[in-house]
Structures are given as structure tokens and as C-alpha cells.
Amino acid sequence: MTLLVTGASGHLGRLVVESLLERGTPAADVVAIARNPESVADLADRGVVVRRADYTDPASLDAAFEGIDRLLLVSGSEVGQRIAQHANVIDAAKRAGVGFLAYTSITRADTSDLALAAEHRATEELLAASGLPHALLRNSWYLENYTGQLPTVLEHGAVLGAAGDGRVSAATRADYADAAAVVLAGEGGRGHEGAVYELGGDDAFTLGELAETVGRVAGREVAYRDLSVPDYTAALVAAGLPEGYAGVLADSDRGVAEGALFTDSGDLSRLIGRPTTSLEGALSAAFVATTPTA
């Protein structure tokens, strides 16, 4: 059985490939595709089959998908272009006779009003119309969205946001990658066809609790400053983010306030067979990684 992971040069895609190998899938049965194959040359050195493909180039997808049994479509990163790109992948998978496709979506994509959810919802609809056997991996937020901001938070002594007391079920990319590997490989005696998994961390938290946990890990006072969506957007723009991207992030916080990125399904920990990584564990590892040694 040949398994293909798209976007293998990205953070999530690479982790899925690593998880497949760690879980015992022979490297020769794993195909990793990337726009630039040289970016995953180390995977090729370990026996993984590396092929070039681009979501915007149907011919490259046709070549890359030849002989593939099961495929993971990692959602593209180019917001605004993803519906057409994902349609190309789905169409190529059908032409290649791929037997199963798993797609990385977002929490409750079919009903969510998040700006980020629209393209995911459209992709889910394309999959349903395609007739391809498939599963939906509806990922909540990444813990890395918060741990990556740790130096800035510590510099200013504050977490900024517009999420109020809303809870977010964030998990690490590695946790989501392990779940994707389980589904892609059909582990547990299941093909996972038709499954809809609402994936998130075991312990949801508010941004106020995030600030408290950062303070505890770092041994200093950290506050949460709750802003309006316009004010948070302006703060992100002032910090150097493009206005459109800042607006999407602020809208996501608005969604957190309304429960849009909360799930208590337990699907993630059940799929990976262990508890998800805790907020404190992720922050502690990030703090160690970003603290200079004497």
C-alpha cells in the first residue's frame, strides 16, 4: 500500500512523513511531494520516494499520484487560492484512481463562520461531490501559534488577543500529524472512510490561562490584554503583519470567543492512543529552546 503526503516540505506534512516512518511504514511505501524536491532531500536519503508536484499544476499532480493507494491532502497555505488548488488535487486523485483521501480541515468547517473556514468548507463540499472515499481531519488551532510568540510575550509581559473568555482546543502539530498518519495508514483495522474527526487538545484553555501559564513557566508576571477585534487587528498591523492576515487572525480570536475552535470530542487523543501535549509542556519546551544558555 503506497501512501502519499502532500506539502511534505511544510511543518505539518514533514511531521506526518516522520510519524509514518516511526509507526513502521516502510520508507519505500511513503511518497512525499513538494514544489521543490530538494527541500526534502533528507527524506529521499532515508528511502522515502520524493516527487515534485504543485497544487497549481495538474500535470505535475497526475505524475505524482501515479500508483498511489491513499493520499493526505494537507491544506494549502495560500489563503484565497486554496479552493482551486484543492480542486486540482481532488481531480488528479480521481484520475489516478486513488482509493482514499484524507484532508486537513478546521473545526466544524461545515457550520463555522470563521473567515478561515470558508475555503475548508468549500473543499469538503468538493470532496463530497467527488465520490472519493475520504476522511475529514478538522484540526483546531496549533499550540505553535502561541509558543512561537513566546519571546514577544515575554518582552512585553502580555498576551494580546480578542478572545475574551473563549476556550481554544489547541494541540501541537506533532499531535495532529500523528493522527493524520494513523488515518492515512488505515491503522486500527479501519479504513476511516466517511469519518469526520473534530481534532483538538484534551485541555482547552482561555488566553487568560495562556498568560498565567506563560508566567508560571517563565517565572515572571504575564497579563492577558483583551482587545476589541479592530484594536487587535491594528495591534497586529503595528507589529508588522499585513493588514489582511492581521484581520484573519483577529477574526479567529473573535471565533475563539464564540467557541469556534473548541472541541471536546476526544477524537485526537483516541486516534493517537495517548494524551495530547499539554499547554504547559509545550510552553516549557519552547521556553527552554528560546532561553540562551550561559
C-alpha atoms as a PDB file:
ATOM      1  CA  MET A   1       0.000   0.000   0.000  1.00  0.00           C
ATOM      2  CA  THR A   2       1.517   3.275  -1.143  1.00  0.00           C
ATOM      3  CA  LEU A   3       0.811   6.370   0.950  1.00  0.00           C
ATOM      4  CA  LEU A   4       1.298   9.917  -0.304  1.00  0.00           C
ATOM      5  CA  VAL A   5       1.678  13.085   1.755  1.00  0.00           C
ATOM      6  CA  THR A   6       1.279  16.438   0.035  1.00  0.00           C
ATOM      7  CA  GLY A   7       3.100  19.539   1.246  1.00  0.00           C
ATOM      8  CA  ALA A   8       5.891  17.408   2.669  1.00  0.00           C
ATOM      9  CA  SER A   9       8.266  20.364   2.913  1.00  0.00           C
ATOM     10  CA  GLY A  10       5.881  22.192   5.254  1.00  0.00           C
ATOM     11  CA  HIS A  11       5.765  21.871   9.018  1.00  0.00           C
ATOM     12  CA  LEU A  12       2.763  19.541   9.202  1.00  0.00           C
ATOM     13  CA  GLY A  13       3.446  17.480   6.092  1.00  0.00           C
ATOM     14  CA  ARG A  14       7.000  16.691   7.138  1.00  0.00           C
ATOM     15  CA  LEU A  15       5.822  15.633  10.590  1.00  0.00           C
ATOM     16  CA  VAL A  16       3.261  13.284   9.016  1.00  0.00           C
ATOM     17  CA  VAL A  17       6.009  11.618   6.974  1.00  0.00           C
ATOM     18  CA  GLU A  18       8.151  11.294  10.100  1.00  0.00           C
ATOM     19  CA  SER A  19       5.211   9.801  12.002  1.00  0.00           C
ATOM     20  CA  LEU A  20       4.526   7.235   9.279  1.00  0.00           C
ATOM     21  CA  LEU A  21       8.150   6.103   9.412  1.00  0.00           C
ATOM     22  CA  GLU A  22       8.206   5.982  13.201  1.00  0.00           C
ATOM     23  CA  ARG A  23       4.996   3.938  13.195  1.00  0.00           C
ATOM     24  CA  GLY A  24       6.590   1.300  10.975  1.00  0.00           C
ATOM     25  CA  THR A  25       5.530   2.171   7.438  1.00  0.00           C
ATOM     26  CA  PRO A  26       8.391   1.151   5.099  1.00  0.00           C
ATOM     27  CA  ALA A  27      10.048   4.219   3.618  1.00  0.00           C
ATOM     28  CA  ALA A  28       9.636   2.823   0.114  1.00  0.00           C
ATOM     29  CA  ASP A  29       5.844   2.865   0.630  1.00  0.00           C
ATOM     30  CA  VAL A  30       5.789   6.567   1.508  1.00  0.00           C
ATOM     31  CA  VAL A  31       5.654   9.202  -1.221  1.00  0.00           C
ATOM     32  CA  ALA A  32       6.402  12.800  -0.234  1.00  0.00           C
ATOM     33  CA  ILE A  33       5.590  15.570  -2.678  1.00  0.00           C
ATOM     34  CA  ALA A  34       6.866  19.128  -2.633  1.00  0.00           C
ATOM     35  CA  ARG A  35       7.180  22.017  -5.052  1.00  0.00           C
ATOM     36  CA  ASN A  36      10.916  21.873  -4.522  1.00  0.00           C
ATOM     37  CA  PRO A  37      12.106  18.268  -4.070  1.00  0.00           C
ATOM     38  CA  GLU A  38      15.500  19.482  -2.866  1.00  0.00           C
ATOM     39  CA  SER A  39      13.793  20.795   0.273  1.00  0.00           C
ATOM     40  CA  VAL A  40      13.033  17.198   1.320  1.00  0.00           C
ATOM     41  CA  ALA A  41      16.234  15.615   0.034  1.00  0.00           C
ATOM     42  CA  ASP A  42      16.938  14.268   3.514  1.00  0.00           C
ATOM     43  CA  LEU A  43      13.749  12.218   3.294  1.00  0.00           C
ATOM     44  CA  ALA A  44      14.888  10.785  -0.023  1.00  0.00           C
ATOM     45  CA  ASP A  45      18.194   9.853   1.612  1.00  0.00           C
ATOM     46  CA  ARG A  46      16.188   7.750   4.090  1.00  0.00           C
ATOM     47  CA  GLY A  47      14.386   5.859   1.326  1.00  0.00           C
ATOM     48  CA  VAL A  48      11.197   7.928   1.053  1.00  0.00           C
ATOM     49  CA  VAL A  49      10.017   8.377  -2.536  1.00  0.00           C
ATOM     50  CA  VAL A  50      10.167  12.090  -3.323  1.00  0.00           C
ATOM     51  CA  ARG A  51       8.210  13.554  -6.227  1.00  0.00           C
ATOM     52  CA  ARG A  52       7.711  17.099  -7.446  1.00  0.00           C
ATOM     53  CA  ALA A  53       4.185  18.464  -7.608  1.00  0.00           C
ATOM     54  CA  ASP A  54       2.455  21.817  -7.360  1.00  0.00           C
ATOM     55  CA  TYR A  55      -1.201  22.328  -6.416  1.00  0.00           C
ATOM     56  CA  THR A  56      -1.489  24.790  -9.328  1.00  0.00           C
ATOM     57  CA  ASP A  57      -0.063  22.337 -11.900  1.00  0.00           C
ATOM     58  CA  PRO A  58      -2.471  19.476 -12.697  1.00  0.00           C
ATOM     59  CA  ALA A  59       0.062  17.695 -14.921  1.00  0.00           C
ATOM     60  CA  SER A  60       2.551  17.521 -12.067  1.00  0.00           C
ATOM     61  CA  LEU A  61      -0.153  16.128  -9.793  1.00  0.00           C
ATOM     62  CA  ASP A  62      -1.066  13.459 -12.343  1.00  0.00           C
ATOM     63  CA  ALA A  63       2.560  12.311 -12.465  1.00  0.00           C
ATOM     64  CA  ALA A  64       2.995  12.435  -8.683  1.00  0.00           C
ATOM     65  CA  PHE A  65      -0.184  10.465  -7.920  1.00  0.00           C
ATOM     66  CA  GLU A  66       0.591   7.521 -10.205  1.00  0.00           C
ATOM     67  CA  GLY A  67       0.310   4.257  -8.273  1.00  0.00           C
ATOM     68  CA  ILE A  68      -0.938   5.897  -5.046  1.00  0.00           C
ATOM     69  CA  ASP A  69      -3.400   3.992  -2.859  1.00  0.00           C
ATOM     70  CA  ARG A  70      -4.085   6.511  -0.064  1.00  0.00           C
ATOM     71  CA  LEU A  71      -3.394  10.238  -0.031  1.00  0.00           C
ATOM     72  CA  LEU A  72      -3.237  13.006   2.566  1.00  0.00           C
ATOM     73  CA  LEU A  73      -4.123  16.453   1.272  1.00  0.00           C
ATOM     74  CA  VAL A  74      -2.519  18.975   3.601  1.00  0.00           C
ATOM     75  CA  SER A  75      -4.429  22.202   3.039  1.00  0.00           C
ATOM     76  CA  GLY A  76      -2.513  24.827   1.108  1.00  0.00           C
ATOM     77  CA  SER A  77      -1.081  27.925   2.737  1.00  0.00           C
ATOM     78  CA  GLU A  78      -2.144  30.475   0.112  1.00  0.00           C
ATOM     79  CA  VAL A  79      -5.383  31.823   1.549  1.00  0.00           C
ATOM     80  CA  GLY A  80      -7.671  32.958  -1.243  1.00  0.00           C
ATOM     81  CA  GLN A  81      -6.313  30.425  -3.734  1.00  0.00           C
ATOM     82  CA  ARG A  82      -6.942  27.204  -1.881  1.00  0.00           C
ATOM     83  CA  ILE A  83     -10.300  26.183  -3.359  1.00  0.00           C
ATOM     84  CA  ALA A  84      -8.904  25.992  -6.889  1.00  0.00           C
ATOM     85  CA  GLN A  85      -5.692  24.359  -5.660  1.00  0.00           C
ATOM     86  CA  HIS A  86      -7.525  21.731  -3.630  1.00  0.00           C
ATOM     87  CA  ALA A  87      -9.877  21.064  -6.535  1.00  0.00           C
ATOM     88  CA  ASN A  88      -6.830  20.281  -8.676  1.00  0.00           C
ATOM     89  CA  VAL A  89      -5.616  17.760  -6.101  1.00  0.00           C
ATOM     90  CA  ILE A  90      -9.028  16.094  -5.765  1.00  0.00           C
ATOM     91  CA  ASP A  91      -9.488  15.873  -9.532  1.00  0.00           C
ATOM     92  CA  ALA A  92      -5.996  14.416 -10.003  1.00  0.00           C
ATOM     93  CA  ALA A  93      -6.636  11.875  -7.240  1.00  0.00           C
ATOM     94  CA  LYS A  94      -9.785  10.745  -9.054  1.00  0.00           C
ATOM     95  CA  ARG A  95      -7.949  10.448 -12.367  1.00  0.00           C
ATOM     96  CA  ALA A  96      -5.207   8.398 -10.699  1.00  0.00           C
ATOM     97  CA  GLY A  97      -7.668   6.019  -9.074  1.00  0.00           C
ATOM     98  CA  VAL A  98      -6.569   6.891  -5.537  1.00  0.00           C
ATOM     99  CA  GLY A  99      -8.612   4.764  -3.145  1.00  0.00           C
ATOM    100  CA  PHE A 100      -8.797   7.153  -0.193  1.00  0.00           C
ATOM    101  CA  LEU A 101      -8.093  10.814   0.562  1.00  0.00           C
ATOM    102  CA  ALA A 102      -7.767  12.458   3.986  1.00  0.00           C
ATOM    103  CA  TYR A 103      -7.994  16.245   4.199  1.00  0.00           C
ATOM    104  CA  THR A 104      -6.766  18.607   6.922  1.00  0.00           C
ATOM    105  CA  SER A 105      -9.689  20.946   7.552  1.00  0.00           C
ATOM    106  CA  ILE A 106     -10.720  23.153  10.500  1.00  0.00           C
ATOM    107  CA  THR A 107     -13.045  22.740  13.492  1.00  0.00           C
ATOM    108  CA  ARG A 108     -16.688  22.317  12.431  1.00  0.00           C
ATOM    109  CA  ALA A 109     -15.898  23.643   8.962  1.00  0.00           C
ATOM    110  CA  ASP A 110     -19.412  22.907   7.725  1.00  0.00           C
ATOM    111  CA  THR A 111     -21.006  25.383  10.146  1.00  0.00           C
ATOM    112  CA  SER A 112     -18.177  27.710  11.201  1.00  0.00           C
ATOM    113  CA  ASP A 113     -18.360  31.416  10.374  1.00  0.00           C
ATOM    114  CA  LEU A 114     -14.605  31.915  10.728  1.00  0.00           C
ATOM    115  CA  ALA A 115     -13.021  33.644   7.749  1.00  0.00           C
ATOM    116  CA  LEU A 116     -10.518  30.783   7.648  1.00  0.00           C
ATOM    117  CA  ALA A 117     -13.274  28.179   7.430  1.00  0.00           C
ATOM    118  CA  ALA A 118     -14.775  29.208   4.092  1.00  0.00           C
ATOM    119  CA  GLU A 119     -12.155  27.555   1.889  1.00  0.00           C
ATOM    120  CA  HIS A 120     -12.137  24.453   4.074  1.00  0.00           C
ATOM    121  CA  ARG A 121     -15.913  24.172   3.834  1.00  0.00           C
ATOM    122  CA  ALA A 122     -15.742  24.527   0.045  1.00  0.00           C
ATOM    123  CA  THR A 123     -13.065  21.824  -0.120  1.00  0.00           C
ATOM    124  CA  GLU A 124     -15.160  19.480   2.000  1.00  0.00           C
ATOM    125  CA  GLU A 125     -18.044  20.049  -0.420  1.00  0.00           C
ATOM    126  CA  LEU A 126     -15.777  19.262  -3.382  1.00  0.00           C
ATOM    127  CA  LEU A 127     -14.731  16.038  -1.705  1.00  0.00           C
ATOM    128  CA  ALA A 128     -18.329  15.044  -1.049  1.00  0.00           C
ATOM    129  CA  ALA A 129     -19.218  15.689  -4.693  1.00  0.00           C
ATOM    130  CA  SER A 130     -16.165  13.811  -5.979  1.00  0.00           C
ATOM    131  CA  GLY A 131     -17.278  10.400  -4.790  1.00  0.00           C
ATOM    132  CA  LEU A 132     -13.772   9.694  -3.492  1.00  0.00           C
ATOM    133  CA  PRO A 133     -13.694   7.723  -0.232  1.00  0.00           C
ATOM    134  CA  HIS A 134     -12.367  10.258   2.238  1.00  0.00           C
ATOM    135  CA  ALA A 135     -11.999  11.406   5.829  1.00  0.00           C
ATOM    136  CA  LEU A 136     -12.014  14.908   7.258  1.00  0.00           C
ATOM    137  CA  LEU A 137      -9.363  15.855   9.817  1.00  0.00           C
ATOM    138  CA  ARG A 138     -10.794  19.032  11.297  1.00  0.00           C
ATOM    139  CA  ASN A 139      -7.862  20.484  13.197  1.00  0.00           C
ATOM    140  CA  SER A 140      -8.291  23.178  15.822  1.00  0.00           C
ATOM    141  CA  TRP A 141      -5.514  25.735  16.466  1.00  0.00           C
ATOM    142  CA  TYR A 142      -1.828  24.839  16.691  1.00  0.00           C
ATOM    143  CA  LEU A 143      -0.122  25.317  20.060  1.00  0.00           C
ATOM    144  CA  GLU A 144       2.790  26.633  17.993  1.00  0.00           C
ATOM    145  CA  ASN A 145       0.641  29.682  17.189  1.00  0.00           C
ATOM    146  CA  TYR A 146       1.206  30.596  20.835  1.00  0.00           C
ATOM    147  CA  THR A 147       4.618  29.114  21.637  1.00  0.00           C
ATOM    148  CA  GLY A 148       6.049  30.858  18.583  1.00  0.00           C
ATOM    149  CA  GLN A 149       5.094  34.194  20.129  1.00  0.00           C
ATOM    150  CA  LEU A 150       6.795  33.450  23.448  1.00  0.00           C
ATOM    151  CA  PRO A 151       9.759  35.844  23.031  1.00  0.00           C
ATOM    152  CA  THR A 152       7.425  38.734  22.158  1.00  0.00           C
ATOM    153  CA  VAL A 153       5.064  37.907  25.026  1.00  0.00           C
ATOM    154  CA  LEU A 154       7.937  37.839  27.499  1.00  0.00           C
ATOM    155  CA  GLU A 155       9.391  41.065  26.112  1.00  0.00           C
ATOM    156  CA  HIS A 156       6.130  42.931  26.692  1.00  0.00           C
ATOM    157  CA  GLY A 157       4.847  40.947  29.659  1.00  0.00           C
ATOM    158  CA  ALA A 158       1.494  40.456  27.981  1.00  0.00           C
ATOM    159  CA  VAL A 159      -0.545  38.213  25.731  1.00  0.00           C
ATOM    160  CA  LEU A 160      -2.683  40.295  23.369  1.00  0.00           C
ATOM    161  CA  GLY A 161      -5.899  38.987  21.882  1.00  0.00           C
ATOM    162  CA  ALA A 162      -9.585  39.445  21.270  1.00  0.00           C
ATOM    163  CA  ALA A 163     -10.825  36.072  22.515  1.00  0.00           C
ATOM    164  CA  GLY A 164     -12.447  37.125  25.790  1.00  0.00           C
ATOM    165  CA  ASP A 165     -13.058  34.076  27.963  1.00  0.00           C
ATOM    166  CA  GLY A 166     -13.422  31.732  24.992  1.00  0.00           C
ATOM    167  CA  ARG A 167     -11.630  28.414  25.142  1.00  0.00           C
ATOM    168  CA  VAL A 168      -9.405  27.076  22.372  1.00  0.00           C
ATOM    169  CA  SER A 169      -8.615  23.371  21.984  1.00  0.00           C
ATOM    170  CA  ALA A 170      -5.093  23.843  20.643  1.00  0.00           C
ATOM    171  CA  ALA A 171      -2.709  20.923  20.115  1.00  0.00           C
ATOM    172  CA  THR A 172       0.791  20.582  18.719  1.00  0.00           C
ATOM    173  CA  ARG A 173       1.493  19.980  15.059  1.00  0.00           C
ATOM    174  CA  ALA A 174       3.105  16.696  16.073  1.00  0.00           C
ATOM    175  CA  ASP A 175      -0.149  15.551  17.691  1.00  0.00           C
ATOM    176  CA  TYR A 176      -2.163  16.425  14.591  1.00  0.00           C
ATOM    177  CA  ALA A 177       0.496  14.783  12.397  1.00  0.00           C
ATOM    178  CA  ASP A 178       0.289  11.541  14.372  1.00  0.00           C
ATOM    179  CA  ALA A 179      -3.491  11.500  13.900  1.00  0.00           C
ATOM    180  CA  ALA A 180      -3.115  12.118  10.171  1.00  0.00           C
ATOM    181  CA  ALA A 181      -0.589   9.272   9.929  1.00  0.00           C
ATOM    182  CA  VAL A 182      -2.971   6.903  11.730  1.00  0.00           C
ATOM    183  CA  VAL A 183      -5.816   7.753   9.364  1.00  0.00           C
ATOM    184  CA  LEU A 184      -3.681   7.745   6.217  1.00  0.00           C
ATOM    185  CA  ALA A 185      -2.233   4.330   7.033  1.00  0.00           C
ATOM    186  CA  GLY A 186      -5.649   2.948   7.956  1.00  0.00           C
ATOM    187  CA  GLU A 187      -4.443   1.876  11.391  1.00  0.00           C
ATOM    188  CA  GLY A 188      -6.664   0.184  13.916  1.00  0.00           C
ATOM    189  CA  GLY A 189      -8.235  -2.129  11.367  1.00  0.00           C
ATOM    190  CA  ARG A 190     -10.244   0.763   9.950  1.00  0.00           C
ATOM    191  CA  GLY A 191     -10.135   2.437   6.597  1.00  0.00           C
ATOM    192  CA  HIS A 192     -11.593   5.634   8.125  1.00  0.00           C
ATOM    193  CA  GLU A 193     -13.727   6.192   5.019  1.00  0.00           C
ATOM    194  CA  GLY A 194     -16.509   8.656   5.774  1.00  0.00           C
ATOM    195  CA  ALA A 195     -15.057   9.659   9.138  1.00  0.00           C
ATOM    196  CA  VAL A 196     -15.242  13.246  10.356  1.00  0.00           C
ATOM    197  CA  TYR A 197     -12.789  13.871  13.174  1.00  0.00           C
ATOM    198  CA  GLU A 198     -13.017  17.036  15.273  1.00  0.00           C
ATOM    199  CA  LEU A 199      -9.431  17.229  16.471  1.00  0.00           C
ATOM    200  CA  GLY A 200      -8.105  19.297  19.369  1.00  0.00           C
ATOM    201  CA  GLY A 201      -6.152  19.161  22.581  1.00  0.00           C
ATOM    202  CA  ASP A 202      -7.514  17.369  25.623  1.00  0.00           C
ATOM    203  CA  ASP A 203      -7.406  20.508  27.784  1.00  0.00           C
ATOM    204  CA  ALA A 204      -8.837  23.656  26.226  1.00  0.00           C
ATOM    205  CA  PHE A 205      -7.738  26.991  27.677  1.00  0.00           C
ATOM    206  CA  THR A 206      -8.546  30.692  27.591  1.00  0.00           C
ATOM    207  CA  LEU A 207      -5.955  33.275  26.599  1.00  0.00           C
ATOM    208  CA  GLY A 208      -6.011  34.437  30.206  1.00  0.00           C
ATOM    209  CA  GLU A 209      -4.969  30.933  31.233  1.00  0.00           C
ATOM    210  CA  LEU A 210      -2.346  31.007  28.487  1.00  0.00           C
ATOM    211  CA  ALA A 211      -0.876  34.170  30.026  1.00  0.00           C
ATOM    212  CA  GLU A 212      -0.914  32.615  33.509  1.00  0.00           C
ATOM    213  CA  THR A 213       0.852  29.508  32.216  1.00  0.00           C
ATOM    214  CA  VAL A 214       3.495  31.541  30.399  1.00  0.00           C
ATOM    215  CA  GLY A 215       4.122  33.463  33.621  1.00  0.00           C
ATOM    216  CA  ARG A 216       4.434  30.267  35.637  1.00  0.00           C
ATOM    217  CA  VAL A 217       6.838  28.672  33.159  1.00  0.00           C
ATOM    218  CA  ALA A 218       8.971  31.813  32.828  1.00  0.00           C
ATOM    219  CA  GLY A 219       8.803  32.842  36.490  1.00  0.00           C
ATOM    220  CA  ARG A 220       7.503  36.318  35.851  1.00  0.00           C
ATOM    221  CA  GLU A 221       4.255  38.263  35.647  1.00  0.00           C
ATOM    222  CA  VAL A 222       2.401  37.977  32.349  1.00  0.00           C
ATOM    223  CA  ALA A 223      -1.027  39.529  31.785  1.00  0.00           C
ATOM    224  CA  TYR A 224      -3.715  38.980  29.197  1.00  0.00           C
ATOM    225  CA  ARG A 225      -4.895  42.152  27.475  1.00  0.00           C
ATOM    226  CA  ASP A 226      -8.274  41.586  25.846  1.00  0.00           C
ATOM    227  CA  LEU A 227      -8.872  43.997  22.963  1.00  0.00           C
ATOM    228  CA  SER A 228     -11.698  44.637  20.552  1.00  0.00           C
ATOM    229  CA  VAL A 229     -11.329  42.935  17.161  1.00  0.00           C
ATOM    230  CA  PRO A 230     -10.487  46.258  15.418  1.00  0.00           C
ATOM    231  CA  ASP A 231      -7.957  47.195  18.100  1.00  0.00           C
ATOM    232  CA  TYR A 232      -6.336  43.752  17.971  1.00  0.00           C
ATOM    233  CA  THR A 233      -6.163  43.974  14.181  1.00  0.00           C
ATOM    234  CA  ALA A 234      -4.470  47.361  14.486  1.00  0.00           C
ATOM    235  CA  ALA A 235      -2.000  45.996  17.041  1.00  0.00           C
ATOM    236  CA  LEU A 236      -1.047  43.155  14.720  1.00  0.00           C
ATOM    237  CA  VAL A 237      -0.581  45.560  11.813  1.00  0.00           C
ATOM    238  CA  ALA A 238       1.576  47.781  14.032  1.00  0.00           C
ATOM    239  CA  ALA A 239       3.668  44.711  14.828  1.00  0.00           C
ATOM    240  CA  GLY A 240       4.371  44.281  11.116  1.00  0.00           C
ATOM    241  CA  LEU A 241       1.708  41.855   9.872  1.00  0.00           C
ATOM    242  CA  PRO A 242      -0.043  42.535   6.549  1.00  0.00           C
ATOM    243  CA  GLU A 243      -3.490  44.005   7.137  1.00  0.00           C
ATOM    244  CA  GLY A 244      -5.343  41.104   5.507  1.00  0.00           C
ATOM    245  CA  TYR A 245      -3.523  38.484   7.543  1.00  0.00           C
ATOM    246  CA  ALA A 246      -3.951  40.538  10.716  1.00  0.00           C
ATOM    247  CA  GLY A 247      -7.682  40.665  10.049  1.00  0.00           C
ATOM    248  CA  VAL A 248      -7.870  36.896   9.642  1.00  0.00           C
ATOM    249  CA  LEU A 249      -6.035  36.342  12.944  1.00  0.00           C
ATOM    250  CA  ALA A 250      -8.237  38.830  14.775  1.00  0.00           C
ATOM    251  CA  ASP A 251     -11.326  37.171  13.299  1.00  0.00           C
ATOM    252  CA  SER A 252     -10.029  33.840  14.554  1.00  0.00           C
ATOM    253  CA  ASP A 253      -9.815  35.279  18.069  1.00  0.00           C
ATOM    254  CA  ARG A 254     -13.371  36.522  17.639  1.00  0.00           C
ATOM    255  CA  GLY A 255     -14.240  32.952  16.791  1.00  0.00           C
ATOM    256  CA  VAL A 256     -12.421  31.634  19.860  1.00  0.00           C
ATOM    257  CA  ALA A 257     -14.577  33.937  21.982  1.00  0.00           C
ATOM    258  CA  GLU A 258     -17.643  32.298  20.430  1.00  0.00           C
ATOM    259  CA  GLY A 259     -16.371  28.703  20.725  1.00  0.00           C
ATOM    260  CA  ALA A 260     -15.426  28.224  17.081  1.00  0.00           C
ATOM    261  CA  LEU A 261     -12.108  26.496  17.873  1.00  0.00           C
ATOM    262  CA  PHE A 262     -13.291  24.473  20.851  1.00  0.00           C
ATOM    263  CA  THR A 263     -13.921  20.739  20.733  1.00  0.00           C
ATOM    264  CA  ASP A 264     -14.297  18.191  23.492  1.00  0.00           C
ATOM    265  CA  SER A 265     -14.752  15.232  21.129  1.00  0.00           C
ATOM    266  CA  GLY A 266     -11.632  13.417  22.371  1.00  0.00           C
ATOM    267  CA  ASP A 267     -11.005  12.300  18.773  1.00  0.00           C
ATOM    268  CA  LEU A 268      -7.369  13.385  18.732  1.00  0.00           C
ATOM    269  CA  SER A 269      -6.195  11.511  21.818  1.00  0.00           C
ATOM    270  CA  ARG A 270      -8.207   8.443  20.780  1.00  0.00           C
ATOM    271  CA  LEU A 271      -6.609   8.376  17.341  1.00  0.00           C
ATOM    272  CA  ILE A 272      -3.047   8.780  18.590  1.00  0.00           C
ATOM    273  CA  GLY A 273      -3.522   6.469  21.575  1.00  0.00           C
ATOM    274  CA  ARG A 274      -2.144   8.879  24.162  1.00  0.00           C
ATOM    275  CA  PRO A 275      -2.973  12.187  25.834  1.00  0.00           C
ATOM    276  CA  THR A 276      -2.320  15.253  23.735  1.00  0.00           C
ATOM    277  CA  THR A 277       0.601  17.533  24.578  1.00  0.00           C
ATOM    278  CA  SER A 278      -0.323  19.926  27.373  1.00  0.00           C
ATOM    279  CA  LEU A 279      -0.105  23.701  27.104  1.00  0.00           C
ATOM    280  CA  GLU A 280       2.397  23.826  29.954  1.00  0.00           C
ATOM    281  CA  GLY A 281       4.510  21.086  28.380  1.00  0.00           C
ATOM    282  CA  ALA A 282       4.612  22.879  25.037  1.00  0.00           C
ATOM    283  CA  LEU A 283       5.414  26.235  26.629  1.00  0.00           C
ATOM    284  CA  SER A 284       8.122  24.726  28.829  1.00  0.00           C
ATOM    285  CA  ALA A 285       9.835  23.165  25.803  1.00  0.00           C
ATOM    286  CA  ALA A 286       9.567  26.449  23.890  1.00  0.00           C
ATOM    287  CA  PHE A 287      10.936  28.429  26.836  1.00  0.00           C
ATOM    288  CA  VAL A 288      13.966  26.148  27.113  1.00  0.00           C
ATOM    289  CA  ALA A 289      14.547  26.379  23.349  1.00  0.00           C
ATOM    290  CA  THR A 290      14.459  30.179  23.346  1.00  0.00           C
ATOM    291  CA  THR A 291      16.416  30.820  26.550  1.00  0.00           C
ATOM    292  CA  PRO A 292      20.133  31.437  25.952  1.00  0.00           C
ATOM    293  CA  THR A 293      22.472  29.179  27.889  1.00  0.00           C
ATOM    294  CA  ALA A 294      25.243  30.713  29.966  1.00  0.00           C
END
